[in-house]
Amino acid sequence: MHALGAAFAKPGWVRVGASAARWRVPVAGGPKPGWHRSLKEPLAGLRCETAARLGQCATCLFSFSFCAKVSLRKRAMQRAAALVRRGCGPRTPSSWGRSQSSAAAEASAVLKVRPERSRRERILTLESMNPQVKAVEYAVRGPIVLKAGEIELELQRVMALCTYPNLLDSPSFPEDAKKRARRILQACGGHSLGSYSASQGVNCIREDVAAYITRRDGGVPADPDNIYLTTGASDGISTILKILVSGGGKSRTGVMIPIPQYPLYSAVISELDAIQVNYYLDEENCWALNVNELRRAVQEAKDHCDPKVLCIINPGNPTGQVQSRKCIEDVIHFAWEEKLFLLADEVYQDNVYSPDCRFHSFKKVLYEMGPEYSSNVELASFHSTSKGYMGECGYRGGYMEVINLHPEIKGQLVKLLSVRLCPPVSGQAAMDIVVNPPVAGEESFEQFSREKESVLGNLAKKAKLTEDLFNQVPGIHCNPLQGAMYAFPRIFIPVKAVEAAQAHQMAPDMFYCMKLLEETGICVVPGSGFGQREGTYHFRMTILPPVEKLKTVLQKVKDFHINFLEKYA
């Protein structure tokens, strides 16, 4: 008998294997000797005695699905054999004295306990899945969670009242917040945020968005019928692109996007199997948009696709530039000339910090250029609750304004939106609070104005601090942070570091950012995730942390970069 056959006699345990490997199984009511096939009850928690004797890690417990006769699954046996081959440190008496070579032989024998069952091929595999989905890359999980301070209070009050209307009778809430909540609830079906809205959005909220755009643009009219409430700005962008993309071969739709870009665009383009047409922002000129670069990109693209869409991000993400009015006029003229549909991503319109810069909406400039442009250039512009001074990302509120759209296409757009029923009604309510804030004479106005100025002023201070400190570090150059919420500095990476990155099959800036994370705990996004000119390297870093913490972060980046240059010099 095998030296360990005595295991049979131990109360509460039985032998369930016929090979040299033994399985000890707790059994209620005392021992039940015999082969595992004689057991009639499901068993769990089998402990592989062979694996334990051979010094495996932990207690080597497996969960099995048993029939009445306790099937020893081949997969579990393979796992046991893998543990044996891995050779974890001993956790059982050395007197058990088995070599790992003999253990491997035992495990190999156990694998033959029962033949492998045939398995049908899976329908969905990496080979059979939609290749456009597999091609999607998204360097950032966005939108970034923002911490905008106490400016959220007004929004939170109104949202609390909308969510729990009984609070409308509470003296704890200011009357102007109650008034807003009542108006939103009355416009909702069933007077509740839990009801579906129209697919285009709640009517009164679209009216408030139109009024906001008119105020923002100095009286340029906005029609509520051209307003579509969306699940964040991202949903609006992907919906419009879905309608625009068509054709095949050389007639496939080309979508022009800035490089660096926000990865949403490249991801949606891949998903829709459209053609990405890159145009490069001018880093040497504070990431300006040069129309000559647009002309180069569109002419080269015409050889292999039909350029139909021009995307602009203003203020820029990740680059933080604010385009001048002259630049916007040039872009509109170019779009008119080339018959391009304009997409204006303007979610950072409230985040402008440089005293020399001002946000100009594409809608306003388009109308002020005269009817030749304002009646012909098709434009969709986007805004969101996620950015600005509110920073309510989780509500997923947003809108798009689409002008000069063919009436029949408007019907198709509404149809496409209807498939999704409606955007989250709570997100629509949040969007209303962003575009319809307290005004002079209302109870909450002074507090709102004070906090808004504080939040934006603090962001401006941190933008300048980040720019100045980065530019003090050898091998780092940072353009002025005119807007948005990020720095996108250019970093010098030595040749040896590039070679080390290649050895690890990583992009050089990914290698740099990974080392930064490992050595400092600071997480930034490599520039290769946004696109950059060949031979240049960047990373994107938020400027949202409190000032003192941001100073500490910047100092750590400085120290790391200097050490990195020395290590790979």
Protein backbone atom coordinates (compact mmCIF):
# COMPACT_ATOMS: atom_id res chain seq x y z
CA MET A 1 0.00 0.00 0.00
CA HIS A 2 1.15 3.49 -0.64
CA ALA A 3 2.86 5.13 2.30
CA LEU A 4 0.03 7.60 2.59
CA GLY A 5 -2.71 5.01 2.43
CA ALA A 6 -3.18 5.57 6.12
CA ALA A 7 -5.15 8.64 5.14
CA PHE A 8 -8.07 6.26 4.58
CA ALA A 9 -8.30 5.54 8.26
CA LYS A 10 -8.48 9.13 9.44
CA PRO A 11 -11.98 9.89 10.73
CA GLY A 12 -13.92 12.20 8.46
CA TRP A 13 -11.76 11.69 5.36
CA VAL A 14 -11.95 9.33 2.40
CA ARG A 15 -9.79 8.39 -0.56
CA VAL A 16 -11.28 9.56 -3.83
CA GLY A 17 -8.45 9.01 -6.33
CA ALA A 18 -6.97 5.87 -7.83
CA SER A 19 -3.59 7.30 -8.77
CA ALA A 20 -0.63 8.07 -6.57
CA ALA A 21 -2.24 11.45 -5.89
CA ARG A 22 -4.64 11.42 -2.94
CA TRP A 23 -7.65 13.67 -2.37
CA ARG A 24 -8.70 14.16 1.25
CA VAL A 25 -12.40 14.97 1.53
CA PRO A 26 -14.23 15.95 4.71
CA VAL A 27 -17.26 13.67 5.12
CA ALA A 28 -19.99 14.14 7.68
CA GLY A 29 -20.63 11.16 9.96
CA GLY A 30 -17.24 9.50 9.82
CA PRO A 31 -15.12 7.80 7.14
CA LYS A 32 -16.55 6.37 3.95
CA PRO A 33 -13.70 4.43 2.34
CA GLY A 34 -13.71 3.82 -1.38
CA TRP A 35 -13.21 5.32 -4.80
CA HIS A 36 -14.69 8.69 -5.63
CA ARG A 37 -17.24 7.10 -7.97
CA SER A 38 -18.93 5.45 -5.00
CA LEU A 39 -19.76 8.73 -3.36
CA LYS A 40 -23.38 9.82 -3.80
CA GLU A 41 -23.31 13.34 -2.40
CA PRO A 42 -21.86 16.55 -3.89
CA LEU A 43 -18.56 17.46 -2.28
CA ALA A 44 -16.74 20.78 -2.10
CA GLY A 45 -13.44 22.06 -0.80
CA LEU A 46 -11.25 19.22 -2.05
CA ARG A 47 -7.68 19.57 -0.86
CA CYS A 48 -5.04 18.22 -3.16
CA GLU A 49 -2.83 16.25 -0.78
CA THR A 50 -0.21 15.68 -3.46
CA ALA A 51 0.08 19.40 -4.08
CA ALA A 52 0.26 20.07 -0.35
CA ARG A 53 2.96 17.42 0.18
CA LEU A 54 4.95 18.94 -2.63
CA GLY A 55 5.04 22.35 -0.99
CA GLN A 56 2.48 24.46 -2.82
CA CYS A 57 1.42 27.95 -1.82
CA ALA A 58 -1.54 28.55 0.50
CA THR A 59 -3.95 25.62 0.93
CA CYS A 60 -4.51 24.69 -2.69
CA LEU A 61 -8.31 24.65 -2.43
CA PHE A 62 -10.41 24.24 -5.55
CA SER A 63 -14.09 24.75 -6.17
CA PHE A 64 -15.62 22.00 -8.27
CA SER A 65 -19.03 21.48 -9.80
CA PHE A 66 -19.86 17.92 -8.86
CA CYS A 67 -22.40 15.49 -10.12
CA ALA A 68 -23.54 12.67 -7.86
CA LYS A 69 -20.40 10.73 -8.71
CA VAL A 70 -17.95 13.61 -8.15
CA SER A 71 -16.24 14.33 -11.49
CA LEU A 72 -12.59 15.24 -11.18
CA ARG A 73 -12.38 18.03 -13.74
CA LYS A 74 -9.39 18.07 -16.03
CA ARG A 75 -9.16 21.82 -15.75
CA ALA A 76 -8.69 21.56 -12.00
CA MET A 77 -6.04 18.90 -12.49
CA GLN A 78 -4.23 21.17 -14.91
CA ARG A 79 -4.30 23.92 -12.33
CA ALA A 80 -2.80 21.55 -9.75
CA ALA A 81 -0.08 20.55 -12.20
CA ALA A 82 0.64 24.20 -12.92
CA LEU A 83 1.09 24.83 -9.22
CA VAL A 84 3.52 21.91 -9.06
CA ARG A 85 5.52 23.21 -11.99
CA ARG A 86 5.58 26.73 -10.51
CA GLY A 87 7.36 25.39 -7.45
CA CYS A 88 6.04 27.66 -4.68
CA GLY A 89 7.79 27.59 -1.31
CA PRO A 90 7.12 24.61 1.00
CA ARG A 91 4.29 24.86 3.51
CA THR A 92 4.20 21.23 4.67
CA PRO A 93 6.67 18.99 6.56
CA SER A 94 9.76 18.07 4.62
CA SER A 95 9.33 14.51 5.93
CA TRP A 96 6.72 14.07 3.18
CA GLY A 97 9.79 14.11 0.99
CA ARG A 98 8.67 14.14 -2.61
CA SER A 99 10.77 15.64 -5.38
CA GLN A 100 9.08 18.08 -7.67
CA SER A 101 9.98 15.88 -10.62
CA SER A 102 8.03 12.96 -9.20
CA ALA A 103 5.25 15.37 -8.31
CA ALA A 104 5.04 16.50 -11.88
CA ALA A 105 4.80 12.87 -12.95
CA GLU A 106 1.99 12.28 -10.47
CA ALA A 107 0.16 15.36 -11.64
CA SER A 108 0.59 14.23 -15.23
CA ALA A 109 -0.94 10.89 -14.33
CA VAL A 110 -3.87 12.57 -12.62
CA LEU A 111 -4.58 14.53 -15.79
CA LYS A 112 -5.54 11.26 -17.43
CA VAL A 113 -8.30 10.47 -14.91
CA ARG A 114 -10.97 11.26 -17.49
CA PRO A 115 -10.87 12.29 -21.15
CA GLU A 116 -11.39 15.90 -22.13
CA ARG A 117 -14.94 16.64 -23.17
CA SER A 118 -15.44 18.11 -26.63
CA ARG A 119 -16.38 21.78 -26.62
CA ARG A 120 -18.17 23.70 -29.32
CA GLU A 121 -16.37 26.76 -30.69
CA ARG A 122 -17.54 30.04 -29.20
CA ILE A 123 -19.56 32.27 -31.50
CA LEU A 124 -17.89 35.49 -30.31
CA THR A 125 -14.08 35.48 -30.37
CA LEU A 126 -11.38 38.05 -31.04
CA GLU A 127 -11.32 36.78 -34.62
CA SER A 128 -15.09 36.93 -35.16
CA MET A 129 -15.90 40.15 -33.29
CA ASN A 130 -16.53 43.50 -34.99
CA PRO A 131 -13.03 44.63 -36.10
CA GLN A 132 -14.02 48.28 -35.68
CA VAL A 133 -14.63 47.74 -31.96
CA LYS A 134 -11.29 45.96 -31.63
CA ALA A 135 -9.59 48.90 -33.34
CA VAL A 136 -10.96 51.40 -30.81
CA GLU A 137 -8.32 52.95 -28.55
CA TYR A 138 -9.12 55.26 -25.64
CA ALA A 139 -6.16 56.63 -23.75
CA VAL A 140 -8.25 58.43 -21.18
CA ARG A 141 -11.34 57.44 -19.31
CA GLY A 142 -13.32 60.48 -19.62
CA PRO A 143 -14.79 62.72 -18.64
CA ILE A 144 -12.30 63.36 -15.80
CA VAL A 145 -13.87 63.58 -12.36
CA LEU A 146 -13.75 67.25 -11.41
CA LYS A 147 -13.61 68.80 -8.00
CA ALA A 148 -14.98 72.27 -8.48
CA GLY A 149 -15.51 73.23 -4.83
CA GLU A 150 -18.59 74.67 -3.27
CA ILE A 151 -19.88 76.05 -6.56
CA GLU A 152 -21.76 72.75 -6.78
CA LEU A 153 -24.08 73.85 -3.98
CA GLU A 154 -26.73 75.53 -6.15
CA LEU A 155 -26.87 72.57 -8.49
CA GLN A 156 -27.09 70.15 -5.57
CA ARG A 157 -29.96 72.09 -4.03
CA VAL A 158 -32.05 72.07 -7.19
CA MET A 159 -31.24 68.43 -7.92
CA ALA A 160 -32.21 67.44 -4.37
CA LEU A 161 -35.54 69.24 -4.76
CA CYS A 162 -36.18 67.64 -8.15
CA THR A 163 -35.32 64.19 -6.86
CA TYR A 164 -37.33 64.47 -3.64
CA PRO A 165 -40.12 67.02 -4.29
CA ASN A 166 -41.36 66.89 -0.66
CA LEU A 167 -38.37 69.10 0.13
CA LEU A 168 -40.10 71.92 -1.76
CA ASP A 169 -41.98 72.62 1.47
CA SER A 170 -38.79 72.76 3.53
CA PRO A 171 -37.52 76.17 4.76
CA SER A 172 -33.94 74.86 4.38
CA PHE A 173 -33.84 75.66 0.66
CA PRO A 174 -33.78 79.14 -0.93
CA GLU A 175 -36.84 80.18 -2.90
CA ASP A 176 -34.99 80.61 -6.21
CA ALA A 177 -33.79 76.99 -6.04
CA LYS A 178 -37.38 75.87 -5.34
CA LYS A 179 -38.65 77.91 -8.27
CA ARG A 180 -36.19 76.25 -10.66
CA ALA A 181 -37.03 72.79 -9.35
CA ARG A 182 -40.80 73.34 -9.70
CA ARG A 183 -40.40 74.55 -13.28
CA ILE A 184 -38.33 71.51 -14.27
CA LEU A 185 -40.69 69.06 -12.55
CA GLN A 186 -43.77 70.61 -14.14
CA ALA A 187 -42.18 70.11 -17.57
CA CYS A 188 -41.39 66.44 -16.87
CA GLY A 189 -43.89 63.72 -17.68
CA GLY A 190 -45.52 62.63 -14.44
CA HIS A 191 -43.83 65.62 -12.74
CA SER A 192 -40.89 63.37 -11.92
CA LEU A 193 -37.27 62.94 -13.01
CA GLY A 194 -38.06 59.24 -13.18
CA SER A 195 -40.27 59.67 -16.25
CA TYR A 196 -39.15 59.51 -19.87
CA SER A 197 -38.82 62.82 -21.67
CA ALA A 198 -39.15 63.60 -25.36
CA SER A 199 -36.22 62.12 -27.30
CA GLN A 200 -34.90 65.60 -28.06
CA GLY A 201 -35.11 66.53 -24.38
CA VAL A 202 -37.45 68.35 -21.99
CA ASN A 203 -38.91 71.34 -23.84
CA CYS A 204 -38.37 73.97 -21.14
CA ILE A 205 -34.74 72.90 -20.71
CA ARG A 206 -34.11 73.23 -24.45
CA GLU A 207 -35.65 76.71 -24.21
CA ASP A 208 -33.25 77.56 -21.39
CA VAL A 209 -30.30 76.29 -23.43
CA ALA A 210 -31.38 78.47 -26.37
CA ALA A 211 -31.69 81.50 -24.08
CA TYR A 212 -28.21 80.80 -22.66
CA ILE A 213 -26.67 80.62 -26.14
CA THR A 214 -28.35 83.89 -27.11
CA ARG A 215 -26.96 85.62 -24.00
CA ARG A 216 -23.51 84.12 -24.49
CA ASP A 217 -23.35 85.21 -28.13
CA GLY A 218 -24.47 88.78 -27.56
CA GLY A 219 -27.96 88.44 -28.98
CA VAL A 220 -27.34 86.02 -31.85
CA PRO A 221 -30.62 84.05 -31.86
CA ALA A 222 -30.83 80.37 -30.97
CA ASP A 223 -33.85 78.22 -31.82
CA PRO A 224 -34.92 75.57 -29.24
CA ASP A 225 -35.84 73.31 -32.17
CA ASN A 226 -32.13 73.19 -33.04
CA ILE A 227 -31.20 72.10 -29.50
CA TYR A 228 -30.77 68.40 -28.70
CA LEU A 229 -30.13 67.35 -25.11
CA THR A 230 -27.63 64.49 -24.94
CA THR A 231 -25.97 62.06 -22.55
CA GLY A 232 -22.91 64.26 -22.12
CA ALA A 233 -21.23 65.98 -25.06
CA SER A 234 -19.65 62.66 -26.11
CA ASP A 235 -23.05 61.21 -26.97
CA GLY A 236 -23.88 64.16 -29.22
CA ILE A 237 -20.54 63.95 -31.03
CA SER A 238 -20.85 60.22 -31.71
CA THR A 239 -24.50 60.60 -32.82
CA ILE A 240 -23.71 63.30 -35.38
CA LEU A 241 -20.74 61.34 -36.70
CA LYS A 242 -22.93 58.26 -37.04
CA ILE A 243 -25.21 60.19 -39.41
CA LEU A 244 -22.33 61.75 -41.34
CA VAL A 245 -20.27 58.63 -42.06
CA SER A 246 -21.12 56.85 -45.31
CA GLY A 247 -19.68 55.50 -48.55
CA GLY A 248 -17.01 52.92 -49.24
CA GLY A 249 -13.51 52.76 -50.69
CA LYS A 250 -12.28 56.16 -51.80
CA SER A 251 -15.72 57.63 -51.14
CA ARG A 252 -15.64 56.64 -47.45
CA THR A 253 -16.18 59.64 -45.18
CA GLY A 254 -13.02 61.30 -43.91
CA VAL A 255 -13.15 63.04 -40.52
CA MET A 256 -10.53 65.72 -39.86
CA ILE A 257 -9.37 65.89 -36.25
CA PRO A 258 -6.64 67.91 -34.52
CA ILE A 259 -3.45 66.28 -33.36
CA PRO A 260 -3.11 66.22 -30.39
CA GLN A 261 -6.79 65.25 -29.99
CA TYR A 262 -9.18 64.02 -27.34
CA PRO A 263 -9.25 60.22 -27.87
CA LEU A 264 -13.05 60.15 -28.08
CA TYR A 265 -12.70 61.20 -31.71
CA SER A 266 -10.29 58.50 -32.86
CA ALA A 267 -12.32 55.92 -30.91
CA VAL A 268 -15.63 56.85 -32.56
CA ILE A 269 -13.99 57.07 -36.00
CA SER A 270 -12.63 53.54 -35.56
CA GLU A 271 -15.98 52.28 -34.31
CA LEU A 272 -17.78 53.72 -37.34
CA ASP A 273 -15.06 52.53 -39.75
CA ALA A 274 -14.57 56.09 -41.01
CA ILE A 275 -11.24 57.51 -42.18
CA GLN A 276 -9.25 59.58 -39.70
CA VAL A 277 -7.64 62.63 -41.28
CA ASN A 278 -5.06 64.25 -39.02
CA TYR A 279 -4.16 67.91 -39.02
CA TYR A 280 -1.43 69.09 -36.66
CA LEU A 281 -1.69 72.01 -34.29
CA ASP A 282 1.32 74.35 -34.25
CA GLU A 283 3.15 73.66 -30.99
CA GLU A 284 5.73 76.35 -31.70
CA ASN A 285 2.91 78.91 -31.86
CA CYS A 286 1.02 77.94 -28.70
CA TRP A 287 -0.86 75.12 -30.43
CA ALA A 288 -2.48 77.48 -32.93
CA LEU A 289 -4.61 76.13 -35.77
CA ASN A 290 -3.05 76.97 -39.13
CA VAL A 291 -5.37 76.93 -42.14
CA ASN A 292 -2.48 75.99 -44.43
CA GLU A 293 -2.15 72.81 -42.39
CA LEU A 294 -5.86 72.15 -42.91
CA ARG A 295 -5.37 72.55 -46.67
CA ARG A 296 -2.45 70.12 -46.66
CA ALA A 297 -4.46 67.53 -44.73
CA VAL A 298 -7.58 67.76 -46.87
CA GLN A 299 -5.69 67.59 -50.18
CA GLU A 300 -3.72 64.52 -49.11
CA ALA A 301 -6.88 62.86 -47.81
CA LYS A 302 -8.74 63.25 -51.10
CA ASP A 303 -6.52 60.55 -52.60
CA HIS A 304 -8.07 57.86 -50.39
CA CYS A 305 -11.33 59.18 -48.88
CA ASP A 306 -14.01 61.87 -49.05
CA PRO A 307 -13.20 64.52 -46.39
CA LYS A 308 -16.58 65.62 -45.13
CA VAL A 309 -16.20 66.61 -41.45
CA LEU A 310 -13.90 69.06 -39.66
CA CYS A 311 -13.64 68.78 -35.87
CA ILE A 312 -12.38 71.65 -33.72
CA ILE A 313 -11.74 71.50 -29.96
CA ASN A 314 -11.78 75.01 -28.47
CA PRO A 315 -10.48 75.53 -25.82
CA GLY A 316 -8.16 72.66 -26.59
CA ASN A 317 -7.94 69.30 -24.91
CA PRO A 318 -5.23 68.23 -24.13
CA THR A 319 -3.38 71.33 -25.33
CA GLY A 320 -5.21 74.10 -23.44
CA GLN A 321 -5.05 76.74 -26.19
CA VAL A 322 -7.86 79.22 -26.94
CA GLN A 323 -8.30 79.97 -30.64
CA SER A 324 -8.44 83.61 -31.69
CA ARG A 325 -11.43 85.09 -33.49
CA LYS A 326 -9.32 85.50 -36.65
CA CYS A 327 -8.44 81.82 -36.55
CA ILE A 328 -12.11 80.85 -36.18
CA GLU A 329 -13.06 83.06 -39.14
CA ASP A 330 -10.37 81.40 -41.25
CA VAL A 331 -11.60 77.94 -40.26
CA ILE A 332 -15.22 78.80 -41.12
CA HIS A 333 -14.16 80.19 -44.50
CA PHE A 334 -12.14 77.02 -45.14
CA ALA A 335 -15.12 74.81 -44.22
CA TRP A 336 -17.37 76.85 -46.54
CA GLU A 337 -14.80 76.60 -49.33
CA GLU A 338 -14.28 72.83 -48.97
CA LYS A 339 -17.93 72.05 -48.12
CA LEU A 340 -17.11 70.54 -44.75
CA PHE A 341 -19.52 69.91 -41.88
CA LEU A 342 -18.14 71.67 -38.78
CA LEU A 343 -18.11 70.06 -35.32
CA ALA A 344 -17.21 72.57 -32.58
CA ASP A 345 -16.36 70.89 -29.28
CA GLU A 346 -16.74 73.81 -26.84
CA VAL A 347 -17.12 72.03 -23.50
CA TYR A 348 -14.35 74.17 -21.91
CA GLN A 349 -15.90 77.49 -22.93
CA ASP A 350 -16.04 78.69 -19.30
CA ASN A 351 -12.43 77.67 -18.63
CA VAL A 352 -10.42 80.56 -20.07
CA TYR A 353 -7.64 81.89 -17.84
CA SER A 354 -5.29 84.04 -19.91
CA PRO A 355 -6.17 87.76 -19.74
CA ASP A 356 -5.16 88.02 -23.40
CA CYS A 357 -7.64 85.37 -24.53
CA ARG A 358 -11.39 85.27 -24.90
CA PHE A 359 -13.73 82.47 -25.89
CA HIS A 360 -15.56 83.03 -29.19
CA SER A 361 -18.19 80.49 -30.13
CA PHE A 362 -18.22 79.21 -33.70
CA LYS A 363 -21.96 79.91 -33.82
CA LYS A 364 -21.47 83.61 -33.03
CA VAL A 365 -18.58 84.13 -35.44
CA LEU A 366 -20.44 82.24 -38.17
CA TYR A 367 -23.46 84.55 -37.91
CA GLU A 368 -21.33 87.68 -37.75
CA MET A 369 -19.55 86.70 -40.98
CA GLY A 370 -22.78 87.32 -42.90
CA PRO A 371 -25.53 85.30 -44.61
CA GLU A 372 -23.24 83.76 -47.22
CA TYR A 373 -21.70 81.75 -44.37
CA SER A 374 -24.43 81.75 -41.71
CA SER A 375 -27.00 80.31 -44.13
CA ASN A 376 -24.76 77.68 -45.69
CA VAL A 377 -22.13 76.31 -43.30
CA GLU A 378 -23.51 73.33 -41.39
CA LEU A 379 -22.41 73.41 -37.75
CA ALA A 380 -22.93 71.28 -34.66
CA SER A 381 -21.59 72.68 -31.39
CA PHE A 382 -21.41 70.88 -28.05
CA HIS A 383 -21.44 71.67 -24.34
CA SER A 384 -21.57 69.60 -21.16
CA THR A 385 -22.21 69.63 -17.41
CA SER A 386 -18.89 67.85 -16.90
CA LYS A 387 -16.53 70.78 -17.30
CA GLY A 388 -16.71 74.53 -16.61
CA TYR A 389 -17.05 75.54 -12.96
CA MET A 390 -19.75 72.99 -12.07
CA GLY A 391 -17.92 69.81 -12.97
CA GLU A 392 -20.86 67.43 -12.56
CA CYS A 393 -19.55 64.56 -14.70
CA GLY A 394 -21.69 61.78 -13.29
CA TYR A 395 -25.01 63.33 -14.28
CA ARG A 396 -24.02 62.87 -17.95
CA GLY A 397 -25.73 66.04 -19.05
CA GLY A 398 -25.01 67.80 -22.33
CA TYR A 399 -26.46 69.45 -25.40
CA MET A 400 -25.72 70.04 -29.04
CA GLU A 401 -26.96 72.87 -31.22
CA VAL A 402 -27.17 71.94 -34.90
CA ILE A 403 -27.74 74.67 -37.47
CA ASN A 404 -28.34 74.67 -41.22
CA LEU A 405 -29.30 70.99 -41.11
CA HIS A 406 -31.51 69.77 -43.96
CA PRO A 407 -35.10 69.31 -42.68
CA GLU A 408 -35.18 65.66 -43.74
CA ILE A 409 -31.90 65.01 -41.93
CA LYS A 410 -33.36 66.59 -38.78
CA GLY A 411 -36.04 63.92 -38.93
CA GLN A 412 -33.38 61.22 -39.26
CA LEU A 413 -31.49 62.67 -36.30
CA VAL A 414 -34.58 62.62 -34.10
CA LYS A 415 -35.22 59.03 -35.22
CA LEU A 416 -31.71 58.01 -34.20
CA LEU A 417 -32.12 59.71 -30.83
CA SER A 418 -35.50 58.03 -30.37
CA VAL A 419 -33.89 54.60 -30.52
CA ARG A 420 -32.24 55.49 -27.18
CA LEU A 421 -35.58 56.82 -25.84
CA CYS A 422 -34.11 59.90 -24.13
CA PRO A 423 -31.01 61.15 -22.32
CA PRO A 424 -31.06 60.80 -18.51
CA VAL A 425 -33.64 63.27 -17.23
CA SER A 426 -31.52 64.01 -14.16
CA GLY A 427 -28.68 64.96 -16.53
CA GLN A 428 -31.05 67.23 -18.44
CA ALA A 429 -31.99 68.93 -15.16
CA ALA A 430 -28.31 69.39 -14.33
CA MET A 431 -27.74 70.95 -17.76
CA ASP A 432 -30.57 73.39 -17.06
CA ILE A 433 -28.88 74.57 -13.87
CA VAL A 434 -25.61 75.15 -15.75
CA VAL A 435 -27.25 77.27 -18.47
CA ASN A 436 -29.76 78.96 -16.16
CA PRO A 437 -27.76 80.01 -13.07
CA PRO A 438 -28.92 82.48 -10.38
CA VAL A 439 -29.24 86.08 -11.61
CA ALA A 440 -29.02 89.44 -9.88
CA GLY A 441 -31.86 89.92 -7.43
CA GLU A 442 -32.24 86.23 -6.60
CA GLU A 443 -31.45 84.88 -3.17
CA SER A 444 -28.55 82.65 -4.29
CA PHE A 445 -26.93 85.12 -6.70
CA GLU A 446 -24.26 86.63 -4.44
CA GLN A 447 -23.05 83.27 -3.17
CA PHE A 448 -23.08 81.80 -6.68
CA SER A 449 -21.09 84.71 -8.15
CA ARG A 450 -18.58 84.66 -5.32
CA GLU A 451 -17.94 80.94 -5.63
CA LYS A 452 -17.81 80.97 -9.43
CA GLU A 453 -15.17 83.70 -9.40
CA SER A 454 -13.24 81.82 -6.73
CA VAL A 455 -13.21 78.54 -8.65
CA LEU A 456 -12.18 80.08 -11.98
CA GLY A 457 -9.66 82.40 -10.32
CA ASN A 458 -8.08 79.46 -8.53
CA LEU A 459 -7.83 77.49 -11.77
CA ALA A 460 -6.16 80.47 -13.47
CA LYS A 461 -3.63 80.67 -10.64
CA LYS A 462 -2.83 76.96 -10.95
CA ALA A 463 -2.52 77.20 -14.73
CA LYS A 464 0.14 79.89 -14.41
CA LEU A 465 1.91 78.05 -11.58
CA THR A 466 2.09 74.85 -13.65
CA GLU A 467 3.41 76.62 -16.73
CA ASP A 468 6.09 78.49 -14.76
CA LEU A 469 7.35 75.50 -12.76
CA PHE A 470 7.50 73.16 -15.75
CA ASN A 471 9.51 75.68 -17.74
CA GLN A 472 12.11 75.79 -14.96
CA VAL A 473 12.94 72.11 -15.48
CA PRO A 474 15.69 71.23 -18.00
CA GLY A 475 14.23 69.06 -20.74
CA ILE A 476 10.61 70.16 -20.23
CA HIS A 477 8.81 72.88 -22.18
CA CYS A 478 5.23 73.92 -21.48
CA ASN A 479 3.19 76.31 -23.62
CA PRO A 480 0.95 78.83 -21.83
CA LEU A 481 -2.17 77.22 -20.37
CA GLN A 482 -4.78 79.56 -21.82
CA GLY A 483 -7.81 77.41 -21.02
CA ALA A 484 -9.28 73.96 -20.24
CA MET A 485 -7.91 72.01 -17.26
CA TYR A 486 -4.65 70.43 -18.38
CA ALA A 487 -0.98 70.97 -19.03
CA PHE A 488 0.53 69.18 -22.03
CA PRO A 489 4.28 69.74 -21.67
CA ARG A 490 6.84 68.49 -24.16
CA ILE A 491 9.50 66.30 -22.59
CA PHE A 492 12.97 65.37 -23.78
CA ILE A 493 13.62 61.61 -23.62
CA PRO A 494 17.25 60.47 -24.08
CA VAL A 495 18.18 57.88 -26.72
CA LYS A 496 19.00 55.25 -24.09
CA ALA A 497 15.55 55.67 -22.58
CA VAL A 498 13.99 55.28 -26.03
CA GLU A 499 15.96 52.05 -26.48
CA ALA A 500 14.87 50.83 -23.04
CA ALA A 501 11.26 51.55 -23.96
CA GLN A 502 11.62 49.61 -27.20
CA ALA A 503 13.06 46.67 -25.27
CA HIS A 504 9.89 46.71 -23.16
CA GLN A 505 7.74 47.09 -26.30
CA MET A 506 6.44 50.44 -25.07
CA ALA A 507 6.19 53.89 -26.60
CA PRO A 508 8.92 56.11 -25.11
CA ASP A 509 6.46 58.49 -23.43
CA MET A 510 4.48 55.53 -22.06
CA PHE A 511 7.74 54.19 -20.61
CA TYR A 512 8.43 57.60 -19.07
CA CYS A 513 4.94 57.90 -17.58
CA MET A 514 5.07 54.35 -16.20
CA LYS A 515 8.38 55.07 -14.48
CA LEU A 516 6.94 58.31 -13.11
CA LEU A 517 3.98 56.41 -11.67
CA GLU A 518 6.14 53.65 -10.18
CA GLU A 519 8.62 56.03 -8.55
CA THR A 520 6.37 58.89 -7.42
CA GLY A 521 2.78 57.63 -7.50
CA ILE A 522 1.87 60.44 -9.93
CA CYS A 523 -0.43 59.32 -12.76
CA VAL A 524 -0.29 61.24 -16.05
CA VAL A 525 -1.38 60.26 -19.57
CA PRO A 526 1.31 59.83 -22.26
CA GLY A 527 1.08 62.09 -25.27
CA SER A 528 1.02 59.13 -27.64
CA GLY A 529 -2.55 58.50 -26.45
CA PHE A 530 -3.58 61.86 -27.93
CA GLY A 531 -1.36 61.87 -30.99
CA GLN A 532 1.79 63.96 -31.49
CA ARG A 533 4.30 64.77 -34.18
CA GLU A 534 6.86 62.07 -34.92
CA GLY A 535 9.87 62.32 -32.62
CA THR A 536 8.15 64.47 -29.98
CA TYR A 537 7.00 63.31 -26.56
CA HIS A 538 4.47 64.78 -24.14
CA PHE A 539 2.22 63.94 -21.25
CA ARG A 540 -1.09 65.37 -20.07
CA MET A 541 -1.54 66.36 -16.45
CA THR A 542 -4.57 67.92 -14.80
CA ILE A 543 -4.26 71.20 -12.89
CA LEU A 544 -7.20 70.40 -10.58
CA PRO A 545 -5.42 69.52 -7.28
CA PRO A 546 -5.35 72.21 -4.55
CA VAL A 547 -2.51 74.72 -4.96
CA GLU A 548 -0.26 73.34 -2.20
CA LYS A 549 -0.72 69.77 -3.36
CA LEU A 550 -0.10 70.84 -6.96
CA LYS A 551 3.19 72.44 -5.91
CA THR A 552 4.24 69.15 -4.32
CA VAL A 553 3.25 67.20 -7.43
CA LEU A 554 5.18 69.54 -9.72
CA GLN A 555 8.28 69.34 -7.50
CA LYS A 556 8.12 65.53 -7.61
CA VAL A 557 7.84 65.60 -11.40
CA LYS A 558 10.84 67.92 -11.55
CA ASP A 559 12.97 65.67 -9.33
CA PHE A 560 11.92 62.58 -11.25
CA HIS A 561 12.70 64.15 -14.64
CA ILE A 562 16.18 65.25 -13.57
CA ASN A 563 16.96 61.76 -12.22
CA PHE A 564 15.50 60.18 -15.37
CA LEU A 565 17.82 62.26 -17.58
CA GLU A 566 20.84 61.33 -15.45
CA LYS A 567 19.96 57.63 -15.45
CA TYR A 568 19.60 57.42 -19.23
CA ALA A 569 22.16 60.04 -20.25
